[in-house]
Protein backbone atom coordinates (compact mmCIF):
# COMPACT_ATOMS: atom_id res chain seq x y z
CA UNK A 1 -107.59 -160.21 74.71
CA UNK A 2 -108.11 -162.91 71.76
CA UNK A 3 -106.50 -162.15 68.43
CA UNK A 4 -108.38 -163.65 65.42
CA UNK A 5 -106.56 -165.07 62.84
CA UNK A 6 -107.09 -166.11 59.42
CA UNK A 7 -106.41 -169.75 58.29
CA UNK A 8 -103.23 -170.16 55.83
CA UNK A 9 -105.41 -172.01 53.41
CA UNK A 10 -107.81 -169.18 53.41
CA UNK A 11 -105.09 -166.43 52.53
CA UNK A 12 -104.03 -168.52 49.52
CA UNK A 13 -107.54 -168.76 48.35
CA UNK A 14 -107.56 -164.95 48.81
CA UNK A 15 -104.37 -164.41 46.92
CA UNK A 16 -105.25 -167.00 44.07
CA UNK A 17 -108.82 -164.86 43.47
CA UNK A 18 -107.09 -161.57 43.35
CA UNK A 19 -104.52 -162.86 41.02
CA UNK A 20 -107.37 -164.02 38.61
CA UNK A 21 -109.25 -160.83 38.78
CA UNK A 22 -106.39 -158.89 38.00
CA UNK A 23 -105.45 -161.22 34.94
CA UNK A 24 -109.02 -160.97 33.74
CA UNK A 25 -109.18 -157.38 33.94
CA UNK A 26 -105.82 -157.01 32.04
CA UNK A 27 -107.52 -159.17 29.37
CA UNK A 28 -110.55 -157.13 29.24
CA UNK A 29 -108.09 -154.14 28.75
CA UNK A 30 -106.40 -155.29 25.99
CA UNK A 31 -108.77 -157.57 24.26
CA UNK A 32 -110.03 -155.03 21.94
CA UNK A 33 -106.82 -153.61 20.83
CA UNK A 34 -105.25 -157.04 20.15
CA UNK A 35 -108.42 -158.38 18.18
CA UNK A 36 -107.07 -158.20 14.56
CA UNK A 37 -109.41 -156.56 12.03
CA UNK A 38 -110.50 -159.43 9.14
CA UNK A 39 -108.28 -158.52 6.18
CA UNK A 40 -110.98 -159.81 3.90
CA UNK A 41 -113.53 -157.30 5.02
CA UNK A 42 -115.04 -155.52 2.13
CA UNK A 43 -112.79 -157.05 -0.48
CA UNK A 44 -114.12 -158.59 -3.74
CA UNK A 45 -113.66 -162.40 -4.39
CA UNK A 46 -110.85 -161.73 -6.79
CA UNK A 47 -109.08 -159.57 -4.26
CA UNK A 48 -109.10 -162.20 -1.84
CA UNK A 49 -108.15 -164.88 -4.41
CA UNK A 50 -105.09 -162.70 -5.29
CA UNK A 51 -103.99 -162.59 -1.65
CA UNK A 52 -104.32 -166.06 -1.16
CA UNK A 53 -102.31 -166.77 -4.26
CA UNK A 54 -99.61 -164.37 -2.93
CA UNK A 55 -99.87 -166.30 0.28
CA UNK A 56 -98.89 -169.59 -1.41
CA UNK A 57 -96.07 -168.18 -3.49
CA UNK A 58 -94.56 -166.71 -0.40
CA UNK A 59 -95.28 -170.45 1.15
CA UNK A 60 -97.48 -169.01 4.03
CA UNK A 61 -99.59 -171.92 3.53
CA UNK A 62 -101.59 -171.12 7.04
CA UNK A 63 -102.37 -167.95 5.75
CA UNK A 64 -103.33 -169.07 2.32
CA UNK A 65 -105.65 -171.51 3.93
CA UNK A 66 -107.50 -168.76 5.89
CA UNK A 67 -107.92 -166.80 2.91
CA UNK A 68 -109.41 -169.58 0.75
CA UNK A 69 -111.68 -170.37 3.59
CA UNK A 70 -112.72 -166.77 3.81
CA UNK A 71 -113.29 -166.69 0.32
CA UNK A 72 -115.77 -169.71 0.36
CA UNK A 73 -117.57 -168.31 3.24
CA UNK A 74 -118.10 -164.84 1.64
CA UNK A 75 -118.65 -165.64 -1.92
CA UNK A 76 -120.05 -169.43 -1.87
CA UNK A 77 -121.37 -169.59 -5.53
CA UNK A 78 -118.81 -167.67 -7.52
CA UNK A 79 -116.40 -169.35 -9.85
CA UNK A 80 -113.64 -168.26 -7.13
CA UNK A 81 -114.98 -170.37 -4.54
CA UNK A 82 -114.86 -173.31 -6.88
CA UNK A 83 -111.50 -172.67 -7.37
CA UNK A 84 -110.57 -172.03 -3.61
CA UNK A 85 -111.69 -175.61 -2.85
CA UNK A 86 -109.00 -176.91 -5.05
CA UNK A 87 -106.47 -174.20 -4.24
CA UNK A 88 -106.77 -174.76 -0.57
CA UNK A 89 -106.25 -178.58 -1.12
CA UNK A 90 -103.09 -177.75 -2.40
CA UNK A 91 -102.35 -175.47 0.65
CA UNK A 92 -103.24 -178.03 2.87
CA UNK A 93 -100.86 -180.93 1.22
CA UNK A 94 -98.10 -178.33 1.28
CA UNK A 95 -98.90 -177.61 5.07
CA UNK A 96 -98.57 -181.37 5.57
CA UNK A 97 -102.15 -182.07 6.40
CA UNK A 98 -102.70 -184.75 4.15
CA UNK A 99 -106.12 -186.04 5.38
CA UNK A 100 -107.97 -182.68 4.86
CA UNK A 101 -105.91 -182.22 1.61
CA UNK A 102 -107.72 -185.30 0.29
CA UNK A 103 -111.07 -184.32 1.96
CA UNK A 104 -111.13 -180.81 -0.02
CA UNK A 105 -109.91 -182.31 -3.25
CA UNK A 106 -112.89 -185.45 -2.86
CA UNK A 107 -115.04 -182.64 -2.01
CA UNK A 108 -114.03 -180.59 -5.17
CA UNK A 109 -114.58 -183.82 -7.56
CA UNK A 110 -117.66 -184.62 -6.15
CA UNK A 111 -119.26 -180.84 -6.43
CA UNK A 112 -117.74 -180.25 -9.72
CA UNK A 113 -117.58 -183.46 -11.95
CA UNK A 114 -117.42 -181.37 -15.26
CA UNK A 115 -114.91 -179.04 -14.21
CA UNK A 116 -111.81 -178.11 -16.63
CA UNK A 117 -109.44 -178.65 -13.51
CA UNK A 118 -110.62 -182.32 -12.98
CA UNK A 119 -107.21 -183.42 -14.47
CA UNK A 120 -105.26 -181.32 -11.82
CA UNK A 121 -107.76 -182.22 -9.18
CA UNK A 122 -106.86 -186.19 -9.74
CA UNK A 123 -103.17 -185.19 -10.29
CA UNK A 124 -102.93 -183.37 -6.88
CA UNK A 125 -105.08 -186.30 -5.14
CA UNK A 126 -102.18 -188.67 -6.68
CA UNK A 127 -99.33 -186.20 -5.04
CA UNK A 128 -101.11 -186.36 -1.91
CA UNK A 129 -101.14 -190.26 -1.72
CA UNK A 130 -98.00 -190.47 -3.35
CA UNK A 131 -96.05 -188.40 -0.67
CA UNK A 132 -98.29 -189.61 2.32
CA UNK A 133 -96.25 -190.74 5.18
CA UNK A 134 -93.06 -189.13 4.23
CA UNK A 135 -91.67 -187.80 7.59
CA UNK A 136 -88.65 -185.91 8.22
CA UNK A 137 -86.55 -189.25 9.10
CA UNK A 138 -87.68 -190.62 5.60
CA UNK A 139 -86.41 -187.34 4.06
CA UNK A 140 -83.07 -187.44 5.90
CA UNK A 141 -82.77 -191.44 5.63
CA UNK A 142 -84.77 -192.10 2.35
CA UNK A 143 -86.25 -195.72 2.17
CA UNK A 144 -87.99 -197.66 -0.57
CA UNK A 145 -91.44 -196.56 -1.17
CA UNK A 146 -92.55 -200.24 -1.34
CA UNK A 147 -91.79 -200.14 2.82
CA UNK A 148 -94.28 -197.30 2.84
CA UNK A 149 -97.90 -197.28 3.37
CA UNK A 150 -99.08 -199.90 0.64
CA UNK A 151 -102.86 -198.86 0.38
CA UNK A 152 -101.83 -195.16 -0.25
CA UNK A 153 -99.30 -195.92 -2.76
CA UNK A 154 -102.30 -198.24 -4.66
CA UNK A 155 -104.39 -195.20 -4.41
CA UNK A 156 -101.62 -192.89 -5.89
CA UNK A 157 -101.35 -195.38 -8.73
CA UNK A 158 -105.16 -195.41 -9.38
CA UNK A 159 -105.36 -191.55 -9.14
CA UNK A 160 -102.29 -191.20 -11.94
CA UNK A 161 -103.51 -193.83 -14.05
CA UNK A 162 -106.93 -192.08 -14.26
CA UNK A 163 -105.27 -189.07 -15.38
CA UNK A 164 -103.25 -190.89 -18.20
CA UNK A 165 -106.47 -192.45 -19.33
CA UNK A 166 -109.09 -189.71 -19.06
CA UNK A 167 -106.86 -186.69 -19.81
CA UNK A 168 -103.75 -188.21 -21.85
CA UNK A 169 -103.47 -184.53 -23.34
CA UNK A 170 -103.13 -182.98 -20.25
CA UNK A 171 -99.92 -180.84 -18.85
CA UNK A 172 -99.93 -183.57 -15.92
CA UNK A 173 -100.13 -186.63 -18.00
CA UNK A 174 -96.39 -186.90 -18.58
CA UNK A 175 -95.36 -186.76 -14.91
CA UNK A 176 -98.26 -189.07 -13.93
CA UNK A 177 -96.77 -191.60 -16.35
CA UNK A 178 -93.57 -191.64 -14.87
CA UNK A 179 -94.86 -191.78 -11.24
CA UNK A 180 -97.14 -194.91 -12.45
CA UNK A 181 -94.10 -196.60 -13.93
CA UNK A 182 -92.28 -195.93 -10.55
CA UNK A 183 -95.31 -197.14 -8.48
CA UNK A 184 -95.79 -200.35 -10.80
CA UNK A 185 -92.15 -201.70 -9.85
CA UNK A 186 -92.37 -200.67 -6.21
CA UNK A 187 -95.85 -202.29 -5.71
CA UNK A 188 -94.81 -205.17 -7.82
CA UNK A 189 -91.52 -205.53 -5.66
CA UNK A 190 -93.55 -205.57 -2.28
CA UNK A 191 -96.00 -207.97 -3.55
CA UNK A 192 -92.97 -210.41 -4.40
CA UNK A 193 -91.50 -209.64 -1.40
CA UNK A 194 -94.64 -210.93 0.50
CA UNK A 195 -94.75 -213.92 -1.73
CA UNK A 196 -91.12 -214.75 -1.09
CA UNK A 197 -91.77 -214.48 2.73
CA UNK A 198 -94.53 -216.95 2.23
CA UNK A 199 -92.24 -219.38 0.23
CA UNK A 200 -89.80 -219.40 3.13
CA UNK A 201 -92.57 -220.50 5.49
CA UNK A 202 -94.12 -223.22 3.32
CA UNK A 203 -97.09 -221.40 2.69
CA UNK A 204 -97.29 -222.32 -1.12
CA UNK A 205 -100.64 -221.28 -2.00
CA UNK A 206 -100.55 -217.84 -0.45
CA UNK A 207 -97.09 -217.32 -2.36
CA UNK A 208 -98.72 -218.35 -5.64
CA UNK A 209 -101.49 -216.18 -5.19
CA UNK A 210 -99.33 -213.04 -4.54
CA UNK A 211 -96.97 -213.71 -7.30
CA UNK A 212 -99.93 -213.94 -9.62
CA UNK A 213 -101.31 -210.73 -8.60
CA UNK A 214 -97.96 -208.96 -9.18
CA UNK A 215 -98.12 -210.53 -12.57
CA UNK A 216 -101.65 -209.67 -13.41
CA UNK A 217 -101.46 -205.92 -12.09
CA UNK A 218 -98.05 -204.64 -12.78
CA UNK A 219 -97.08 -205.82 -16.14
CA UNK A 220 -93.85 -204.42 -17.22
CA UNK A 221 -92.27 -204.49 -13.71
CA UNK A 222 -88.79 -206.09 -13.49
CA UNK A 223 -89.77 -208.22 -10.59
CA UNK A 224 -92.20 -210.13 -12.92
CA UNK A 225 -89.83 -212.83 -13.73
CA UNK A 226 -89.28 -213.28 -9.96
CA UNK A 227 -93.09 -213.62 -9.82
CA UNK A 228 -93.06 -216.29 -12.40
CA UNK A 229 -90.20 -218.31 -11.00
CA UNK A 230 -92.36 -218.14 -7.44
CA UNK A 231 -95.46 -219.50 -9.40
CA UNK A 232 -93.52 -222.21 -11.00
CA UNK A 233 -91.69 -223.40 -7.64
CA UNK A 234 -95.01 -222.71 -5.58
CA UNK A 235 -97.25 -224.89 -8.14
CA UNK A 236 -94.64 -227.76 -7.88
CA UNK A 237 -94.90 -227.95 -4.23
CA UNK A 238 -98.25 -227.70 -4.57
CA UNK A 239 -98.32 -230.86 -6.58
CA UNK A 240 -100.01 -228.82 -9.57
CA UNK A 241 -97.81 -229.91 -12.58
CA UNK A 242 -100.05 -228.17 -15.10
CA UNK A 243 -99.91 -224.88 -13.35
CA UNK A 244 -95.98 -225.23 -13.12
CA UNK A 245 -95.74 -226.25 -16.80
CA UNK A 246 -97.84 -223.13 -17.58
CA UNK A 247 -95.99 -220.59 -15.86
CA UNK A 248 -92.47 -222.31 -17.23
CA UNK A 249 -93.64 -221.79 -20.77
CA UNK A 250 -94.24 -218.28 -19.94
CA UNK A 251 -90.90 -217.82 -18.41
CA UNK A 252 -89.30 -219.37 -21.30
CA UNK A 253 -90.91 -217.64 -23.81
CA UNK A 254 -90.09 -214.23 -22.27
CA UNK A 255 -86.88 -214.76 -20.14
CA UNK A 256 -85.35 -218.06 -21.61
CA UNK A 257 -82.08 -217.30 -19.53
CA UNK A 258 -83.85 -217.13 -16.28
CA UNK A 259 -86.05 -220.33 -17.14
CA UNK A 260 -82.79 -222.32 -17.81
CA UNK A 261 -81.31 -221.44 -14.52
CA UNK A 262 -84.36 -222.52 -12.62
CA UNK A 263 -84.41 -225.96 -14.43
CA UNK A 264 -80.89 -226.51 -13.58
CA UNK A 265 -81.59 -225.50 -10.06
CA UNK A 266 -79.48 -222.63 -9.71
């Protein structure tokens, strides 16, 4: 008598099929009960906005983002939708999504050029760029901002400068001024550090240009003194006596002690 047998591989496939079928059946049983009702259904724009604001206050930024998105989707033409664009940008910023935050701010600026909240929009854009790149390691072991993303810091400098120049009486101008001063110093420091690097390698023209850039764009920074010294030394190495003399005159007029030390070779 012959006994028919099922191959082991076939048994495995049958078992897997039964398990999959059971899983799909369970999903279908609970999908309707697990599905949450949209909490914004039937709510006014004001009500959704207030719920989103409450979520921000509770630091539940993920929930706030969803509510602002629902508000824009349900009431795209209302004033609350305009405000939701800006508020969601802030929520994305706090949720550590800087790229999306910048996109939202830029969209608000582009779509609402005459908005009364433009000062805040520019200030928020500056904040996103200012804090961009700050990781947990940076919070535990703080480092100079001059070591971070220079392009974004220059963007922040530009954003805060626009707040100061366009909206000097806004409530954001004072803080923007403090941040501009801080950025001016650190960006100038970064430029001078690069100039010093070029000096060490004998790249005199590159050093001269970076020092000149720091002086031109970051007036008032303490490291402008170093930039002037670099210009004098680099010009001398390049055989540009007139340029060296001009920079030395500026150094003598503004920082006579440093000029004397440089002449003495100290």
